[in-house]
Amino acid sequence: MDVESRRDLRLLEELEQEATITQRTLASRLGMALGLTNLYLKRLIRKGYVKCVTVSPNRLVYSLTPRGVARKARLTYEFMKYSLDFYRDARQHLRRSLTIAVARQKSVAIFGTGDAAELVFLLIRDMGLELTAVFAPEGNGRFLGLPVLPIAEQASVTYDVLMSRCSSGRQGRRVCCGSLACPTRRF
């Protein structure tokens, strides 16, 4: 899905949620310049996806036309397809990386609690590996049912491999391991 289609989808979603939204508020929500928001709105109106009615001299009401609803549905489908394809590709890439990283090891620790860590967690379970610990810089709260430990405690936890999103290539591993104070051979 290209940038323009994603922007159209976000605009159509916002206009569907709040018909009396101002262009300034719309620009702020979408993280776009006001002039660019105006340009995109005019384009959607010209294409027949949005209808604009003046209710007072300084107030406009936007509504999606039947073509606009159909366009939004089509873009939503495309976005979902793109997202699922991206998820499958990321999962395949992580599976290959994880398979290489844990060749004969069985216990894995994760550094981080973001989206990539969730994918690694799912793959660890799927591959029959044991998730030993989850680390973060400060360590607080829980992540998928496990306590998040401060990385300073990693030396006291038994694991074979530490997975982190910054482990790309030898140089990345060295930098990450140095900042996390973990042995490179376990990273």
Protein backbone atom coordinates (compact mmCIF):
# COMPACT_ATOMS: atom_id res chain seq x y z
CA MET A 1 0.00 0.00 0.00
CA ASP A 2 1.52 3.31 -1.05
CA VAL A 3 1.80 6.45 1.09
CA GLU A 4 -0.98 8.27 -0.76
CA SER A 5 -3.45 5.42 -0.23
CA ARG A 6 -2.59 5.23 3.48
CA ARG A 7 -3.10 8.99 3.78
CA ASP A 8 -6.45 8.74 1.98
CA LEU A 9 -7.53 5.97 4.34
CA ARG A 10 -6.58 7.95 7.43
CA LEU A 11 -8.41 11.04 6.13
CA LEU A 12 -11.53 9.06 5.29
CA GLU A 13 -11.46 7.38 8.73
CA GLU A 14 -11.13 10.70 10.53
CA LEU A 15 -13.90 12.33 8.47
CA GLU A 16 -16.19 9.37 9.10
CA GLN A 17 -15.56 9.64 12.87
CA GLU A 18 -16.08 13.40 13.12
CA ALA A 19 -17.91 15.21 10.31
CA THR A 20 -17.44 18.70 11.79
CA ILE A 21 -13.68 18.40 12.28
CA THR A 22 -11.63 21.44 11.33
CA GLN A 23 -8.81 21.17 8.83
CA ARG A 24 -6.39 22.35 11.52
CA THR A 25 -7.44 19.55 13.89
CA LEU A 26 -7.35 17.05 11.05
CA ALA A 27 -3.84 18.16 10.10
CA SER A 28 -2.73 17.83 13.71
CA ARG A 29 -4.17 14.33 14.11
CA LEU A 30 -2.60 13.13 10.88
CA GLY A 31 0.73 14.84 11.50
CA MET A 32 0.52 16.78 8.24
CA ALA A 33 0.89 20.43 7.32
CA LEU A 34 -2.37 22.37 7.14
CA GLY A 35 -1.84 23.25 3.46
CA LEU A 36 -1.23 19.61 2.57
CA THR A 37 -4.36 18.56 4.47
CA ASN A 38 -6.35 21.13 2.50
CA LEU A 39 -4.89 19.80 -0.75
CA TYR A 40 -5.76 16.19 0.09
CA LEU A 41 -9.28 17.11 1.18
CA LYS A 42 -9.88 18.99 -2.07
CA ARG A 43 -8.62 15.98 -4.01
CA LEU A 44 -10.99 13.62 -2.14
CA ILE A 45 -13.87 16.04 -2.79
CA ARG A 46 -12.96 16.36 -6.48
CA LYS A 47 -12.85 12.56 -6.86
CA GLY A 48 -16.31 12.30 -5.32
CA TYR A 49 -15.30 10.47 -2.12
CA VAL A 50 -16.21 13.31 0.25
CA LYS A 51 -18.97 15.91 0.21
CA CYS A 52 -18.37 19.26 1.88
CA VAL A 53 -21.24 21.47 3.04
CA THR A 54 -20.91 24.97 4.54
CA VAL A 55 -23.13 25.28 7.62
CA SER A 56 -21.90 28.68 8.71
CA PRO A 57 -19.29 31.11 7.37
CA ASN A 58 -16.53 29.46 9.39
CA ARG A 59 -17.82 25.91 9.75
CA LEU A 60 -17.80 23.03 7.23
CA VAL A 61 -19.33 19.57 7.53
CA TYR A 62 -17.72 16.68 5.71
CA SER A 63 -19.49 13.44 4.83
CA LEU A 64 -18.39 10.37 2.96
CA THR A 65 -20.28 9.71 -0.23
CA PRO A 66 -21.22 6.15 -1.24
CA ARG A 67 -18.09 6.20 -3.46
CA GLY A 68 -16.10 7.37 -0.43
CA VAL A 69 -17.45 4.54 1.74
CA ALA A 70 -16.55 2.04 -1.01
CA ARG A 71 -13.06 3.59 -1.35
CA LYS A 72 -12.54 3.42 2.42
CA ALA A 73 -13.61 -0.24 2.47
CA ARG A 74 -11.24 -1.05 -0.41
CA LEU A 75 -8.34 0.81 1.24
CA THR A 76 -9.07 -0.89 4.58
CA TYR A 77 -8.91 -4.29 2.87
CA GLU A 78 -5.63 -3.34 1.15
CA PHE A 79 -4.17 -2.10 4.44
CA MET A 80 -5.15 -5.31 6.24
CA LYS A 81 -3.66 -7.41 3.43
CA TYR A 82 -0.46 -5.33 3.49
CA SER A 83 -0.23 -5.63 7.29
CA LEU A 84 -0.75 -9.40 7.27
CA ASP A 85 1.81 -9.84 4.48
CA PHE A 86 4.27 -7.72 6.44
CA TYR A 87 3.62 -9.79 9.58
CA ARG A 88 4.16 -13.07 7.66
CA ASP A 89 7.40 -11.76 6.13
CA ALA A 90 8.68 -10.53 9.50
CA ARG A 91 7.76 -13.84 11.13
CA GLN A 92 9.60 -15.82 8.40
CA HIS A 93 12.68 -13.61 8.74
CA LEU A 94 12.65 -13.93 12.52
CA ARG A 95 12.17 -17.71 12.28
CA ARG A 96 15.25 -18.03 10.06
CA SER A 97 17.29 -15.78 12.38
CA LEU A 98 16.09 -17.60 15.47
CA THR A 99 16.78 -21.03 13.96
CA ILE A 100 20.37 -20.01 13.25
CA ALA A 101 20.83 -18.30 16.63
CA VAL A 102 19.57 -21.18 18.74
CA ALA A 103 21.02 -24.06 16.73
CA ARG A 104 21.42 -26.42 19.73
CA GLN A 105 20.35 -24.20 22.58
CA LYS A 106 16.98 -24.48 24.21
CA SER A 107 16.61 -21.54 26.58
CA VAL A 108 16.16 -18.03 25.26
CA ALA A 109 15.98 -14.62 26.90
CA ILE A 110 14.58 -11.51 25.21
CA PHE A 111 15.81 -7.94 25.56
CA GLY A 112 12.96 -5.52 24.94
CA THR A 113 9.20 -5.51 25.17
CA GLY A 114 8.09 -4.08 21.83
CA ASP A 115 6.33 -5.54 18.82
CA ALA A 116 9.41 -7.43 17.62
CA ALA A 117 9.75 -9.02 21.07
CA GLU A 118 6.14 -10.24 20.81
CA LEU A 119 6.94 -11.92 17.49
CA VAL A 120 10.06 -13.52 18.99
CA PHE A 121 7.96 -14.70 21.96
CA LEU A 122 5.42 -16.35 19.61
CA LEU A 123 8.19 -18.03 17.61
CA ILE A 124 9.95 -19.26 20.75
CA ARG A 125 6.74 -20.96 21.84
CA ASP A 126 6.07 -22.28 18.33
CA MET A 127 9.58 -23.77 18.07
CA GLY A 128 9.32 -25.53 21.43
CA LEU A 129 11.98 -23.39 23.08
CA GLU A 130 11.91 -22.14 26.65
CA LEU A 131 11.64 -18.40 27.32
CA THR A 132 13.78 -17.93 30.42
CA ALA A 133 13.62 -14.18 30.97
CA VAL A 134 12.62 -10.81 29.57
CA PHE A 135 15.00 -7.90 30.11
CA ALA A 136 14.65 -4.15 29.70
CA PRO A 137 17.02 -1.29 30.56
CA GLU A 138 15.31 -0.60 33.89
CA GLY A 139 13.11 -3.66 34.22
CA ASN A 140 9.60 -3.08 35.47
CA GLY A 141 6.16 -4.52 34.94
CA ARG A 142 5.28 -7.67 33.06
CA PHE A 143 5.53 -8.76 29.43
CA LEU A 144 3.25 -11.51 28.21
CA GLY A 145 2.94 -12.96 31.70
CA LEU A 146 6.63 -12.77 32.61
CA PRO A 147 8.28 -10.24 34.91
CA VAL A 148 10.53 -7.77 33.10
CA LEU A 149 13.95 -7.78 34.75
CA PRO A 150 16.55 -5.02 34.61
CA ILE A 151 19.35 -5.89 32.17
CA ALA A 152 21.85 -5.44 35.01
CA GLU A 153 20.53 -8.76 36.41
CA GLN A 154 21.14 -10.74 33.21
CA ALA A 155 24.35 -12.33 34.53
CA SER A 156 22.38 -14.02 37.31
CA VAL A 157 19.86 -15.62 34.94
CA THR A 158 20.56 -18.88 33.13
CA TYR A 159 19.88 -18.78 29.38
CA ASP A 160 21.62 -19.93 26.19
CA VAL A 161 20.80 -17.05 23.85
CA LEU A 162 19.73 -13.43 24.34
CA MET A 163 17.59 -12.11 21.49
CA SER A 164 17.37 -8.37 20.82
CA ARG A 165 16.23 -6.24 17.90
CA CYS A 166 19.67 -4.64 17.64
CA SER A 167 21.46 -7.90 16.84
CA SER A 168 22.08 -7.21 13.15
CA GLY A 169 25.55 -8.31 12.09
CA ARG A 170 28.71 -8.67 14.12
CA GLN A 171 29.21 -4.92 14.60
CA GLY A 172 25.63 -4.49 15.83
CA ARG A 173 26.11 -7.40 18.23
CA ARG A 174 29.31 -5.90 19.63
CA VAL A 175 27.69 -2.50 20.19
CA CYS A 176 24.59 -4.06 21.74
CA CYS A 177 26.51 -6.49 23.91
CA GLY A 178 28.76 -3.71 25.11
CA SER A 179 25.81 -1.55 26.10
CA LEU A 180 23.95 -4.49 27.68
CA ALA A 181 27.05 -5.94 29.36
CA CYS A 182 26.42 -9.45 28.10
CA PRO A 183 28.85 -11.95 26.58
CA THR A 184 28.86 -11.80 22.76
CA ARG A 185 28.74 -15.60 22.44
CA ARG A 186 25.30 -15.66 24.11
CA PHE A 187 23.87 -12.83 22.03
